[in-house]
Amino acid sequence: MNKNYLYVSDSNDGYFNLALDEWFLDNVKDDELILYFYINKSAVIIGKNQNPRKECDLPRMHRDGVQLVRRISGGGAVFHDMGNLNFSFIAGASRFDKKLQHQFILDCIRFLGIDCTFSGRNDMLINGRKFSGNAYCSKNAAKQHHGTLLVSTELDRLQNYLTVDERKIRSKGVDSVRSRVCNLSEACPGLTVQGLLDVIPREFEKKYGNYKLL
């Protein structure tokens, strides 16, 4: 019989929360699906293959007490603060359904009255601006899909710590990191991380059925 679990971390430590994300992947059973949420204090999370010296302003991060944490999945560097809600689906291979997982996140956002889309390139967008990036990995018979949800992140700080390759700017006319992202609270004034979390249980049960809190 399939089992569903929901867990919201009470820690804001990026090292702990990303380590727990990997622990769930190492220990989830084939008939289980875990939906895990966490909120990190100031941190830059980089993909498994990224060079932090190219992706981040390390001296500024050190000066400002911003954590540098490497995750086990691929994808780009992201900035986390207390206005950013992070999610992770961890499941046995038979329970993993990327399309349903994307739909779940989109439906949670749309329930708040926000029109949003999935770009097909691992990003979720509002009017062409990114509020969520997604990454994926697998270990043995288990799979993981995790991502960010920018609710009320200090986007000017995001610009401070993440860098865009100058060659990419020249060749593709890429604008600043800040101009390409947005907060959900811009489309839904007054929205908080807790307000978004409050939507989760209803949609989770609607999509997956009964679940237990971890």
N, C-alpha and C. Protein backbone atom coordinates (compact mmCIF):
# COMPACT_ATOMS: atom_id res chain seq x y z
N MET A 1 0.84 -1.20 0.00
CA MET A 1 0.00 0.00 0.00
C MET A 1 0.87 1.25 0.00
N ASN A 2 0.58 2.21 -0.88
CA ASN A 2 1.37 3.43 -0.97
C ASN A 2 1.24 4.28 0.30
N LYS A 3 2.34 4.93 0.65
CA LYS A 3 2.37 5.77 1.84
C LYS A 3 2.87 7.16 1.46
N ASN A 4 2.18 8.18 1.99
CA ASN A 4 2.53 9.57 1.73
C ASN A 4 2.86 10.28 3.04
N TYR A 5 3.90 11.12 2.99
CA TYR A 5 4.33 11.83 4.18
C TYR A 5 4.58 13.30 3.85
N LEU A 6 4.29 14.16 4.83
CA LEU A 6 4.54 15.58 4.71
C LEU A 6 5.39 16.02 5.89
N TYR A 7 6.47 16.73 5.61
CA TYR A 7 7.35 17.19 6.68
C TYR A 7 7.79 18.62 6.42
N VAL A 8 7.68 19.47 7.43
CA VAL A 8 8.16 20.85 7.37
C VAL A 8 9.25 21.00 8.42
N SER A 9 10.46 21.30 7.98
CA SER A 9 11.59 21.43 8.90
C SER A 9 11.42 22.62 9.82
N ASP A 10 11.83 22.46 11.07
CA ASP A 10 11.80 23.58 12.01
C ASP A 10 13.18 24.22 12.15
N SER A 11 14.12 23.82 11.27
CA SER A 11 15.46 24.40 11.26
C SER A 11 15.59 25.37 10.10
N ASN A 12 16.40 26.39 10.27
CA ASN A 12 16.69 27.34 9.19
C ASN A 12 18.16 27.26 8.76
N ASP A 13 18.80 26.16 9.11
CA ASP A 13 20.20 25.96 8.78
C ASP A 13 20.33 25.23 7.44
N GLY A 14 20.96 25.87 6.47
CA GLY A 14 21.07 25.28 5.14
C GLY A 14 21.80 23.96 5.12
N TYR A 15 22.86 23.83 5.92
CA TYR A 15 23.61 22.58 5.95
C TYR A 15 22.73 21.43 6.44
N PHE A 16 21.99 21.69 7.51
CA PHE A 16 21.11 20.65 8.06
C PHE A 16 20.01 20.30 7.08
N ASN A 17 19.35 21.30 6.53
CA ASN A 17 18.19 21.03 5.68
C ASN A 17 18.56 20.31 4.39
N LEU A 18 19.68 20.65 3.80
CA LEU A 18 20.12 19.94 2.59
C LEU A 18 20.62 18.54 2.92
N ALA A 19 21.23 18.38 4.09
CA ALA A 19 21.66 17.05 4.51
C ALA A 19 20.44 16.15 4.75
N LEU A 20 19.40 16.71 5.35
CA LEU A 20 18.18 15.93 5.58
C LEU A 20 17.51 15.57 4.26
N ASP A 21 17.57 16.47 3.30
CA ASP A 21 17.02 16.19 1.98
C ASP A 21 17.69 14.94 1.38
N GLU A 22 19.01 14.87 1.51
CA GLU A 22 19.74 13.70 1.00
C GLU A 22 19.45 12.45 1.84
N TRP A 23 19.29 12.64 3.15
CA TRP A 23 18.98 11.49 4.02
C TRP A 23 17.65 10.86 3.62
N PHE A 24 16.66 11.69 3.35
CA PHE A 24 15.37 11.15 2.89
C PHE A 24 15.56 10.34 1.61
N LEU A 25 16.37 10.83 0.69
CA LEU A 25 16.60 10.12 -0.56
C LEU A 25 17.27 8.78 -0.31
N ASP A 26 18.16 8.73 0.64
CA ASP A 26 18.87 7.48 0.95
C ASP A 26 17.99 6.46 1.65
N ASN A 27 16.92 6.92 2.28
CA ASN A 27 16.14 6.02 3.14
C ASN A 27 14.69 5.81 2.72
N VAL A 28 14.21 6.53 1.71
CA VAL A 28 12.82 6.36 1.29
C VAL A 28 12.62 4.97 0.69
N LYS A 29 11.45 4.37 0.96
CA LYS A 29 11.13 3.05 0.44
C LYS A 29 10.36 3.17 -0.87
N ASP A 30 10.30 2.07 -1.61
CA ASP A 30 9.75 2.12 -2.96
C ASP A 30 8.29 2.56 -2.98
N ASP A 31 7.52 2.23 -1.93
CA ASP A 31 6.09 2.58 -1.94
C ASP A 31 5.82 3.91 -1.24
N GLU A 32 6.86 4.67 -0.92
CA GLU A 32 6.71 5.91 -0.16
C GLU A 32 6.94 7.16 -1.03
N LEU A 33 6.24 8.23 -0.66
CA LEU A 33 6.50 9.55 -1.21
C LEU A 33 6.54 10.54 -0.06
N ILE A 34 7.61 11.31 -0.01
CA ILE A 34 7.78 12.32 1.04
C ILE A 34 7.80 13.69 0.39
N LEU A 35 6.97 14.60 0.90
CA LEU A 35 6.99 15.99 0.48
C LEU A 35 7.58 16.79 1.64
N TYR A 36 8.73 17.38 1.38
CA TYR A 36 9.54 18.01 2.41
C TYR A 36 9.68 19.50 2.10
N PHE A 37 9.41 20.34 3.11
CA PHE A 37 9.57 21.78 2.96
C PHE A 37 10.57 22.30 3.98
N TYR A 38 11.36 23.29 3.57
CA TYR A 38 12.30 23.90 4.50
C TYR A 38 12.58 25.34 4.08
N ILE A 39 13.00 26.13 5.05
CA ILE A 39 13.32 27.54 4.85
C ILE A 39 14.71 27.78 5.41
N ASN A 40 15.62 28.24 4.58
CA ASN A 40 16.99 28.48 5.02
C ASN A 40 17.24 29.96 5.28
N LYS A 41 18.03 30.21 6.32
CA LYS A 41 18.53 31.58 6.48
C LYS A 41 19.50 31.85 5.33
N SER A 42 20.11 32.99 5.31
CA SER A 42 20.92 33.41 4.17
C SER A 42 21.90 32.33 3.72
N ALA A 43 21.73 31.86 2.48
CA ALA A 43 22.59 30.81 1.95
C ALA A 43 22.55 30.84 0.43
N VAL A 44 23.65 30.45 -0.17
CA VAL A 44 23.69 30.18 -1.61
C VAL A 44 23.85 28.67 -1.77
N ILE A 45 22.93 28.08 -2.53
CA ILE A 45 22.94 26.64 -2.77
C ILE A 45 23.41 26.43 -4.21
N ILE A 46 24.46 25.66 -4.39
CA ILE A 46 25.00 25.42 -5.73
C ILE A 46 24.77 23.98 -6.15
N GLY A 47 24.71 23.76 -7.47
CA GLY A 47 24.55 22.43 -8.02
C GLY A 47 25.80 21.58 -7.83
N LYS A 48 25.66 20.29 -7.99
CA LYS A 48 26.75 19.35 -7.68
C LYS A 48 27.98 19.57 -8.55
N ASN A 49 27.81 20.12 -9.75
CA ASN A 49 28.95 20.27 -10.66
C ASN A 49 29.44 21.71 -10.78
N GLN A 50 28.90 22.62 -9.99
CA GLN A 50 29.24 24.02 -10.15
C GLN A 50 30.52 24.41 -9.41
N ASN A 51 31.21 25.38 -9.98
CA ASN A 51 32.39 25.96 -9.35
C ASN A 51 31.95 27.23 -8.62
N PRO A 52 31.97 27.22 -7.30
CA PRO A 52 31.46 28.39 -6.56
C PRO A 52 32.24 29.67 -6.85
N ARG A 53 33.51 29.55 -7.25
CA ARG A 53 34.30 30.73 -7.55
C ARG A 53 33.80 31.45 -8.80
N LYS A 54 33.13 30.71 -9.67
CA LYS A 54 32.58 31.32 -10.88
C LYS A 54 31.13 31.76 -10.69
N GLU A 55 30.41 31.11 -9.80
CA GLU A 55 28.97 31.35 -9.64
C GLU A 55 28.64 32.36 -8.55
N CYS A 56 29.56 32.56 -7.61
CA CYS A 56 29.23 33.32 -6.40
C CYS A 56 30.30 34.38 -6.11
N ASP A 57 29.90 35.40 -5.38
CA ASP A 57 30.82 36.38 -4.84
C ASP A 57 31.21 35.90 -3.44
N LEU A 58 32.22 35.04 -3.37
CA LEU A 58 32.59 34.41 -2.10
C LEU A 58 33.06 35.39 -1.04
N PRO A 59 33.86 36.39 -1.37
CA PRO A 59 34.27 37.34 -0.31
C PRO A 59 33.08 38.06 0.31
N ARG A 60 32.13 38.47 -0.52
CA ARG A 60 30.96 39.16 0.02
C ARG A 60 30.11 38.21 0.86
N MET A 61 29.96 36.97 0.42
CA MET A 61 29.22 35.98 1.20
C MET A 61 29.87 35.78 2.57
N HIS A 62 31.18 35.65 2.57
CA HIS A 62 31.90 35.46 3.84
C HIS A 62 31.70 36.67 4.75
N ARG A 63 31.79 37.86 4.18
CA ARG A 63 31.62 39.09 4.96
C ARG A 63 30.23 39.18 5.57
N ASP A 64 29.21 38.75 4.81
CA ASP A 64 27.82 38.89 5.25
C ASP A 64 27.28 37.66 5.97
N GLY A 65 28.12 36.64 6.16
CA GLY A 65 27.67 35.45 6.88
C GLY A 65 26.69 34.60 6.10
N VAL A 66 26.85 34.55 4.77
CA VAL A 66 25.97 33.75 3.92
C VAL A 66 26.57 32.36 3.73
N GLN A 67 25.81 31.34 4.03
CA GLN A 67 26.29 29.97 3.90
C GLN A 67 26.47 29.60 2.43
N LEU A 68 27.44 28.74 2.15
CA LEU A 68 27.61 28.13 0.84
C LEU A 68 27.37 26.63 1.00
N VAL A 69 26.34 26.12 0.34
CA VAL A 69 25.95 24.72 0.50
C VAL A 69 25.85 24.08 -0.88
N ARG A 70 26.46 22.92 -1.04
CA ARG A 70 26.36 22.19 -2.31
C ARG A 70 25.29 21.11 -2.18
N ARG A 71 24.37 21.06 -3.15
CA ARG A 71 23.34 20.04 -3.14
C ARG A 71 23.77 18.87 -4.04
N ILE A 72 23.02 17.78 -3.98
CA ILE A 72 23.41 16.57 -4.71
C ILE A 72 22.85 16.55 -6.12
N SER A 73 21.99 17.49 -6.47
CA SER A 73 21.41 17.54 -7.81
C SER A 73 22.17 18.56 -8.66
N GLY A 74 21.87 18.56 -9.96
CA GLY A 74 22.46 19.53 -10.86
C GLY A 74 21.72 20.85 -10.80
N GLY A 75 21.86 21.64 -11.87
CA GLY A 75 21.19 22.92 -11.91
C GLY A 75 22.08 24.06 -11.45
N GLY A 76 21.50 25.24 -11.41
CA GLY A 76 22.26 26.45 -11.13
C GLY A 76 22.27 26.84 -9.66
N ALA A 77 22.99 27.92 -9.39
CA ALA A 77 23.09 28.46 -8.03
C ALA A 77 21.84 29.27 -7.70
N VAL A 78 21.39 29.16 -6.46
CA VAL A 78 20.22 29.90 -6.00
C VAL A 78 20.50 30.51 -4.63
N PHE A 79 19.88 31.64 -4.38
CA PHE A 79 20.01 32.30 -3.08
C PHE A 79 18.79 31.98 -2.23
N HIS A 80 19.01 31.60 -0.99
CA HIS A 80 17.93 31.33 -0.05
C HIS A 80 17.96 32.34 1.08
N ASP A 81 16.78 32.81 1.46
CA ASP A 81 16.63 33.55 2.70
C ASP A 81 15.28 33.19 3.30
N MET A 82 14.87 33.91 4.32
CA MET A 82 13.66 33.52 5.04
C MET A 82 12.38 33.79 4.25
N GLY A 83 12.50 34.45 3.11
CA GLY A 83 11.34 34.67 2.24
C GLY A 83 11.25 33.68 1.10
N ASN A 84 12.05 32.62 1.17
CA ASN A 84 12.10 31.62 0.11
C ASN A 84 11.71 30.26 0.69
N LEU A 85 10.63 29.67 0.17
CA LEU A 85 10.18 28.35 0.62
C LEU A 85 10.73 27.31 -0.35
N ASN A 86 11.39 26.31 0.20
CA ASN A 86 11.99 25.26 -0.61
C ASN A 86 11.22 23.95 -0.44
N PHE A 87 11.03 23.23 -1.53
CA PHE A 87 10.28 21.97 -1.48
C PHE A 87 11.13 20.84 -2.06
N SER A 88 10.80 19.63 -1.65
CA SER A 88 11.47 18.45 -2.20
C SER A 88 10.50 17.28 -2.20
N PHE A 89 10.33 16.67 -3.37
CA PHE A 89 9.62 15.40 -3.50
C PHE A 89 10.66 14.29 -3.50
N ILE A 90 10.54 13.35 -2.58
CA ILE A 90 11.44 12.21 -2.53
C ILE A 90 10.58 10.96 -2.57
N ALA A 91 10.87 10.05 -3.48
CA ALA A 91 9.97 8.91 -3.67
C ALA A 91 10.72 7.71 -4.23
N GLY A 92 10.15 6.53 -3.96
CA GLY A 92 10.60 5.35 -4.67
C GLY A 92 10.29 5.52 -6.15
N ALA A 93 11.03 4.83 -7.00
CA ALA A 93 10.90 5.03 -8.45
C ALA A 93 9.48 4.83 -8.94
N SER A 94 8.75 3.89 -8.33
CA SER A 94 7.38 3.62 -8.79
C SER A 94 6.40 4.72 -8.39
N ARG A 95 6.78 5.56 -7.43
CA ARG A 95 5.89 6.64 -6.96
C ARG A 95 6.24 7.99 -7.56
N PHE A 96 7.35 8.08 -8.23
CA PHE A 96 7.85 9.36 -8.72
C PHE A 96 7.15 9.74 -10.01
N ASP A 97 6.52 10.92 -10.02
CA ASP A 97 5.77 11.37 -11.18
C ASP A 97 6.05 12.86 -11.37
N LYS A 98 7.03 13.16 -12.19
CA LYS A 98 7.48 14.53 -12.36
C LYS A 98 6.35 15.46 -12.82
N LYS A 99 5.54 14.99 -13.74
CA LYS A 99 4.46 15.81 -14.27
C LYS A 99 3.46 16.15 -13.17
N LEU A 100 3.09 15.17 -12.35
CA LEU A 100 2.15 15.41 -11.26
C LEU A 100 2.75 16.35 -10.22
N GLN A 101 4.04 16.20 -9.98
CA GLN A 101 4.71 17.06 -9.00
C GLN A 101 4.73 18.52 -9.47
N HIS A 102 5.03 18.72 -10.73
CA HIS A 102 4.97 20.09 -11.27
C HIS A 102 3.56 20.66 -11.15
N GLN A 103 2.58 19.83 -11.48
CA GLN A 103 1.19 20.28 -11.44
C GLN A 103 0.77 20.63 -10.02
N PHE A 104 1.23 19.85 -9.07
CA PHE A 104 0.92 20.13 -7.67
C PHE A 104 1.40 21.52 -7.27
N ILE A 105 2.65 21.84 -7.60
CA ILE A 105 3.19 23.15 -7.24
C ILE A 105 2.42 24.26 -7.95
N LEU A 106 2.18 24.10 -9.23
CA LEU A 106 1.43 25.11 -9.98
C LEU A 106 0.03 25.32 -9.41
N ASP A 107 -0.64 24.23 -9.04
CA ASP A 107 -1.99 24.34 -8.50
C ASP A 107 -2.00 25.04 -7.14
N CYS A 108 -0.97 24.82 -6.33
CA CYS A 108 -0.87 25.53 -5.06
C CYS A 108 -0.78 27.04 -5.30
N ILE A 109 0.02 27.43 -6.29
CA ILE A 109 0.18 28.85 -6.60
C ILE A 109 -1.10 29.42 -7.20
N ARG A 110 -1.72 28.66 -8.08
CA ARG A 110 -2.95 29.14 -8.73
C ARG A 110 -4.10 29.26 -7.73
N PHE A 111 -4.09 28.44 -6.69
CA PHE A 111 -5.11 28.53 -5.65
C PHE A 111 -5.08 29.91 -4.99
N LEU A 112 -3.94 30.54 -5.00
CA LEU A 112 -3.77 31.87 -4.42
C LEU A 112 -4.18 32.98 -5.39
N GLY A 113 -4.63 32.58 -6.57
CA GLY A 113 -5.08 33.56 -7.56
C GLY A 113 -3.97 34.07 -8.46
N ILE A 114 -2.86 33.32 -8.52
CA ILE A 114 -1.71 33.74 -9.32
C ILE A 114 -1.64 32.90 -10.58
N ASP A 115 -1.59 33.56 -11.72
CA ASP A 115 -1.46 32.86 -13.00
C ASP A 115 0.00 32.52 -13.23
N CYS A 116 0.32 31.24 -13.36
CA CYS A 116 1.71 30.82 -13.50
C CYS A 116 1.82 29.67 -14.50
N THR A 117 3.03 29.47 -15.01
CA THR A 117 3.27 28.44 -16.02
C THR A 117 4.58 27.73 -15.73
N PHE A 118 4.72 26.54 -16.33
CA PHE A 118 5.99 25.80 -16.29
C PHE A 118 6.66 25.97 -17.64
N SER A 119 7.94 26.34 -17.63
CA SER A 119 8.59 26.75 -18.87
C SER A 119 9.05 25.58 -19.73
N GLY A 120 9.15 24.39 -19.14
CA GLY A 120 9.72 23.27 -19.88
C GLY A 120 11.22 23.21 -19.76
N ARG A 121 11.80 24.20 -19.10
CA ARG A 121 13.25 24.22 -18.85
C ARG A 121 13.53 24.24 -17.36
N ASN A 122 12.68 23.59 -16.60
CA ASN A 122 12.84 23.45 -15.15
C ASN A 122 12.49 24.71 -14.36
N ASP A 123 11.87 25.68 -15.01
CA ASP A 123 11.51 26.92 -14.32
C ASP A 123 10.00 27.12 -14.30
N MET A 124 9.51 27.76 -13.24
CA MET A 124 8.12 28.19 -13.15
C MET A 124 8.08 29.71 -13.21
N LEU A 125 7.14 30.23 -13.98
CA LEU A 125 7.17 31.64 -14.35
C LEU A 125 5.86 32.36 -14.10
N ILE A 126 5.97 33.66 -13.84
CA ILE A 126 4.84 34.58 -13.85
C ILE A 126 5.18 35.67 -14.85
N ASN A 127 4.41 35.75 -15.92
CA ASN A 127 4.66 36.75 -16.96
C ASN A 127 6.12 36.74 -17.43
N GLY A 128 6.65 35.54 -17.62
CA GLY A 128 8.00 35.40 -18.15
C GLY A 128 9.11 35.54 -17.14
N ARG A 129 8.79 35.83 -15.89
CA ARG A 129 9.81 35.97 -14.84
C ARG A 129 9.74 34.78 -13.90
N LYS A 130 10.90 34.33 -13.49
CA LYS A 130 11.05 33.07 -12.75
C LYS A 130 10.80 33.27 -11.26
N PHE A 131 9.94 32.41 -10.69
CA PHE A 131 9.77 32.39 -9.23
C PHE A 131 10.17 31.04 -8.64
N SER A 132 10.46 30.07 -9.50
CA SER A 132 10.83 28.74 -9.02
C SER A 132 11.75 28.05 -10.01
N GLY A 133 12.86 27.53 -9.50
CA GLY A 133 13.74 26.67 -10.28
C GLY A 133 13.68 25.26 -9.72
N ASN A 134 13.82 24.26 -10.58
CA ASN A 134 13.70 22.86 -10.18
C ASN A 134 14.92 22.07 -10.60
N ALA A 135 15.28 21.09 -9.80
CA ALA A 135 16.40 20.20 -10.11
C ALA A 135 16.04 18.78 -9.69
N TYR A 136 16.74 17.80 -10.25
CA TYR A 136 16.36 16.40 -10.08
C TYR A 136 17.60 15.53 -9.90
N CYS A 137 17.42 14.44 -9.17
CA CYS A 137 18.50 13.47 -9.05
C CYS A 137 17.92 12.12 -8.63
N SER A 138 18.74 11.11 -8.67
CA SER A 138 18.31 9.77 -8.26
C SER A 138 19.46 9.05 -7.59
N LYS A 139 19.10 8.13 -6.71
CA LYS A 139 20.06 7.27 -6.04
C LYS A 139 19.45 5.89 -5.92
N ASN A 140 20.14 4.90 -6.45
CA ASN A 140 19.62 3.54 -6.40
C ASN A 140 18.21 3.52 -7.00
N ALA A 141 17.21 3.12 -6.21
CA ALA A 141 15.84 3.03 -6.74
C ALA A 141 14.99 4.23 -6.31
N ALA A 142 15.62 5.26 -5.76
CA ALA A 142 14.87 6.43 -5.28
C ALA A 142 15.16 7.64 -6.16
N LYS A 143 14.17 8.54 -6.22
CA LYS A 143 14.31 9.74 -7.04
C LYS A 143 13.90 10.98 -6.24
N GLN A 144 14.44 12.11 -6.68
CA GLN A 144 14.20 13.36 -5.96
C GLN A 144 13.97 14.51 -6.95
N HIS A 145 13.05 15.37 -6.57
CA HIS A 145 12.75 16.59 -7.33
C HIS A 145 12.63 17.70 -6.32
N HIS A 146 13.54 18.65 -6.36
CA HIS A 146 13.43 19.75 -5.41
C HIS A 146 13.57 21.09 -6.11
N GLY A 147 13.06 22.12 -5.42
CA GLY A 147 13.08 23.44 -6.03
C GLY A 147 12.80 24.55 -5.03
N THR A 148 12.81 25.76 -5.54
CA THR A 148 12.61 26.96 -4.74
C THR A 148 11.27 27.60 -5.07
N LEU A 149 10.74 28.34 -4.12
CA LEU A 149 9.55 29.16 -4.33
C LEU A 149 9.83 30.53 -3.72
N LEU A 150 10.08 31.51 -4.57
CA LEU A 150 10.36 32.86 -4.09
C LEU A 150 9.05 33.51 -3.67
N VAL A 151 8.91 33.73 -2.39
CA VAL A 151 7.69 34.35 -1.85
C VAL A 151 7.93 35.82 -1.57
N SER A 152 8.90 36.11 -0.73
CA SER A 152 9.22 37.51 -0.39
C SER A 152 10.72 37.65 -0.16
N THR A 153 11.49 37.01 -1.02
CA THR A 153 12.94 37.05 -0.93
C THR A 153 13.46 38.47 -1.17
N GLU A 154 14.55 38.82 -0.50
CA GLU A 154 15.21 40.11 -0.74
C GLU A 154 15.99 39.99 -2.04
N LEU A 155 15.35 40.32 -3.14
CA LEU A 155 15.93 40.07 -4.46
C LEU A 155 17.18 40.90 -4.72
N ASP A 156 17.32 42.04 -4.11
CA ASP A 156 18.53 42.83 -4.28
C ASP A 156 19.73 42.11 -3.67
N ARG A 157 19.51 41.36 -2.61
CA ARG A 157 20.59 40.58 -2.02
C ARG A 157 20.96 39.42 -2.93
N LEU A 158 19.98 38.83 -3.59
CA LEU A 158 20.23 37.76 -4.55
C LEU A 158 21.24 38.25 -5.58
N GLN A 159 21.04 39.46 -6.08
CA GLN A 159 21.94 40.04 -7.07
C GLN A 159 23.35 40.20 -6.51
N ASN A 160 23.45 40.43 -5.20
CA ASN A 160 24.76 40.65 -4.59
C ASN A 160 25.64 39.41 -4.62
N TYR A 161 25.05 38.23 -4.51
CA TYR A 161 25.84 37.02 -4.28
C TYR A 161 25.95 36.10 -5.48
N LEU A 162 25.05 36.22 -6.46
CA LEU A 162 25.09 35.37 -7.64
C LEU A 162 25.63 36.17 -8.82
N THR A 163 26.42 35.52 -9.65
CA THR A 163 27.03 36.21 -10.78
C THR A 163 26.55 35.59 -12.09
N VAL A 164 26.55 36.41 -13.14
CA VAL A 164 26.24 35.94 -14.49
C VAL A 164 27.51 36.03 -15.31
N ASP A 165 27.86 34.94 -16.00
CA ASP A 165 29.07 34.89 -16.82
C ASP A 165 29.04 36.03 -17.86
N GLU A 166 30.11 36.82 -17.91
CA GLU A 166 30.16 37.95 -18.84
C GLU A 166 30.05 37.50 -20.29
N ARG A 167 30.57 36.31 -20.62
CA ARG A 167 30.47 35.81 -21.99
C ARG A 167 29.01 35.55 -22.36
N LYS A 168 28.23 35.08 -21.38
CA LYS A 168 26.81 34.83 -21.62
C LYS A 168 26.07 36.13 -21.84
N ILE A 169 26.44 37.15 -21.10
CA ILE A 169 25.81 38.46 -21.26
C ILE A 169 26.09 39.01 -22.66
N ARG A 170 27.35 38.89 -23.09
CA ARG A 170 27.72 39.43 -24.40
C ARG A 170 27.06 38.66 -25.55
N SER A 171 27.02 37.34 -25.43
CA SER A 171 26.54 36.52 -26.56
C SER A 171 25.02 36.46 -26.64
N LYS A 172 24.34 36.55 -25.49
CA LYS A 172 22.89 36.37 -25.49
C LYS A 172 22.12 37.59 -24.99
N GLY A 173 22.85 38.62 -24.60
CA GLY A 173 22.16 39.80 -24.10
C GLY A 173 21.42 39.53 -22.81
N VAL A 174 21.93 38.63 -21.98
CA VAL A 174 21.26 38.29 -20.73
C VAL A 174 21.34 39.47 -19.78
N ASP A 175 20.19 39.83 -19.20
CA ASP A 175 20.18 40.93 -18.25
C ASP A 175 20.52 40.43 -16.86
N SER A 176 20.36 41.25 -15.88
CA SER A 176 20.78 40.90 -14.52
C SER A 176 19.94 39.78 -13.94
N VAL A 177 20.52 39.08 -12.96
CA VAL A 177 19.79 38.04 -12.24
C VAL A 177 18.51 38.62 -11.65
N ARG A 178 18.63 39.82 -11.07
CA ARG A 178 17.49 40.45 -10.40
C ARG A 178 16.31 40.67 -11.34
N SER A 179 16.58 41.07 -12.58
CA SER A 179 15.49 41.44 -13.49
C SER A 179 14.76 40.22 -14.04
N ARG A 180 15.36 39.02 -13.91
CA ARG A 180 14.76 37.83 -14.51
C ARG A 180 13.95 37.01 -13.52
N VAL A 181 13.89 37.45 -12.27
CA VAL A 181 13.16 36.70 -11.25
C VAL A 181 12.12 37.61 -10.59
N CYS A 182 11.17 36.98 -9.89
CA CYS A 182 10.16 37.76 -9.18
C CYS A 182 9.68 36.99 -7.96
N ASN A 183 9.13 37.72 -7.03
CA ASN A 183 8.50 37.12 -5.85
C ASN A 183 7.02 36.86 -6.11
N LEU A 184 6.50 35.81 -5.51
CA LEU A 184 5.06 35.55 -5.58
C LEU A 184 4.26 36.68 -4.95
N SER A 185 4.84 37.34 -3.96
CA SER A 185 4.13 38.42 -3.29
C SER A 185 3.92 39.63 -4.20
N GLU A 186 4.66 39.71 -5.30
CA GLU A 186 4.41 40.78 -6.27
C GLU A 186 3.07 40.56 -6.97
N ALA A 187 2.71 39.29 -7.18
CA ALA A 187 1.44 38.97 -7.83
C ALA A 187 0.32 38.79 -6.82
N CYS A 188 0.67 38.56 -5.56
CA CYS A 188 -0.31 38.37 -4.49
C CYS A 188 0.16 39.17 -3.28
N PRO A 189 -0.09 40.47 -3.26
CA PRO A 189 0.41 41.33 -2.18
C PRO A 189 0.02 40.82 -0.80
N GLY A 190 1.00 40.84 0.09
CA GLY A 190 0.76 40.38 1.45
C GLY A 190 1.03 38.91 1.67
N LEU A 191 1.30 38.17 0.59
CA LEU A 191 1.57 36.73 0.74
C LEU A 191 2.85 36.52 1.54
N THR A 192 2.80 35.58 2.47
CA THR A 192 3.96 35.21 3.27
C THR A 192 4.29 33.74 3.03
N VAL A 193 5.47 33.33 3.48
CA VAL A 193 5.85 31.93 3.39
C VAL A 193 4.84 31.05 4.12
N GLN A 194 4.41 31.49 5.30
CA GLN A 194 3.43 30.71 6.05
C GLN A 194 2.10 30.66 5.31
N GLY A 195 1.73 31.75 4.66
CA GLY A 195 0.50 31.74 3.89
C GLY A 195 0.53 30.73 2.77
N LEU A 196 1.68 30.57 2.13
CA LEU A 196 1.83 29.55 1.09
C LEU A 196 1.83 28.15 1.70
N LEU A 197 2.50 27.99 2.82
CA LEU A 197 2.52 26.68 3.49
C LEU A 197 1.11 26.24 3.88
N ASP A 198 0.26 27.19 4.24
CA ASP A 198 -1.10 26.85 4.67
C ASP A 198 -1.91 26.21 3.54
N VAL A 199 -1.54 26.46 2.30
CA VAL A 199 -2.25 25.90 1.14
C VAL A 199 -1.86 24.44 0.90
N ILE A 200 -0.67 24.06 1.33
CA ILE A 200 -0.07 22.78 0.96
C ILE A 200 -0.90 21.56 1.37
N PRO A 201 -1.35 21.44 2.64
CA PRO A 201 -2.04 20.21 3.04
C PRO A 201 -3.27 19.90 2.20
N ARG A 202 -4.07 20.91 1.91
CA ARG A 202 -5.28 20.70 1.11
C ARG A 202 -4.93 20.16 -0.27
N GLU A 203 -3.98 20.78 -0.94
CA GLU A 203 -3.61 20.34 -2.28
C GLU A 203 -2.91 18.99 -2.26
N PHE A 204 -2.12 18.73 -1.22
CA PHE A 204 -1.41 17.45 -1.13
C PHE A 204 -2.40 16.30 -1.01
N GLU A 205 -3.39 16.47 -0.15
CA GLU A 205 -4.39 15.41 0.00
C GLU A 205 -5.22 15.27 -1.28
N LYS A 206 -5.50 16.37 -1.93
CA LYS A 206 -6.27 16.34 -3.16
C LYS A 206 -5.55 15.56 -4.25
N LYS A 207 -4.23 15.73 -4.35
CA LYS A 207 -3.46 15.08 -5.41
C LYS A 207 -3.04 13.65 -5.04
N TYR A 208 -2.73 13.42 -3.77
CA TYR A 208 -2.10 12.15 -3.40
C TYR A 208 -2.91 11.30 -2.43
N GLY A 209 -3.97 11.85 -1.87
CA GLY A 209 -4.76 11.10 -0.91
C GLY A 209 -4.27 11.27 0.51
N ASN A 210 -4.56 10.32 1.35
CA ASN A 210 -4.20 10.41 2.76
C ASN A 210 -2.69 10.49 2.94
N TYR A 211 -2.30 11.19 3.99
CA TYR A 211 -0.87 11.32 4.27
C TYR A 211 -0.67 11.42 5.78
N LYS A 212 0.57 11.23 6.21
CA LYS A 212 0.95 11.40 7.60
C LYS A 212 1.97 12.51 7.73
N LEU A 213 1.89 13.26 8.84
CA LEU A 213 2.89 14.28 9.14
C LEU A 213 4.09 13.61 9.80
N LEU A 214 5.27 13.96 9.35
CA LEU A 214 6.49 13.45 9.97
C LEU A 214 6.98 14.42 11.04
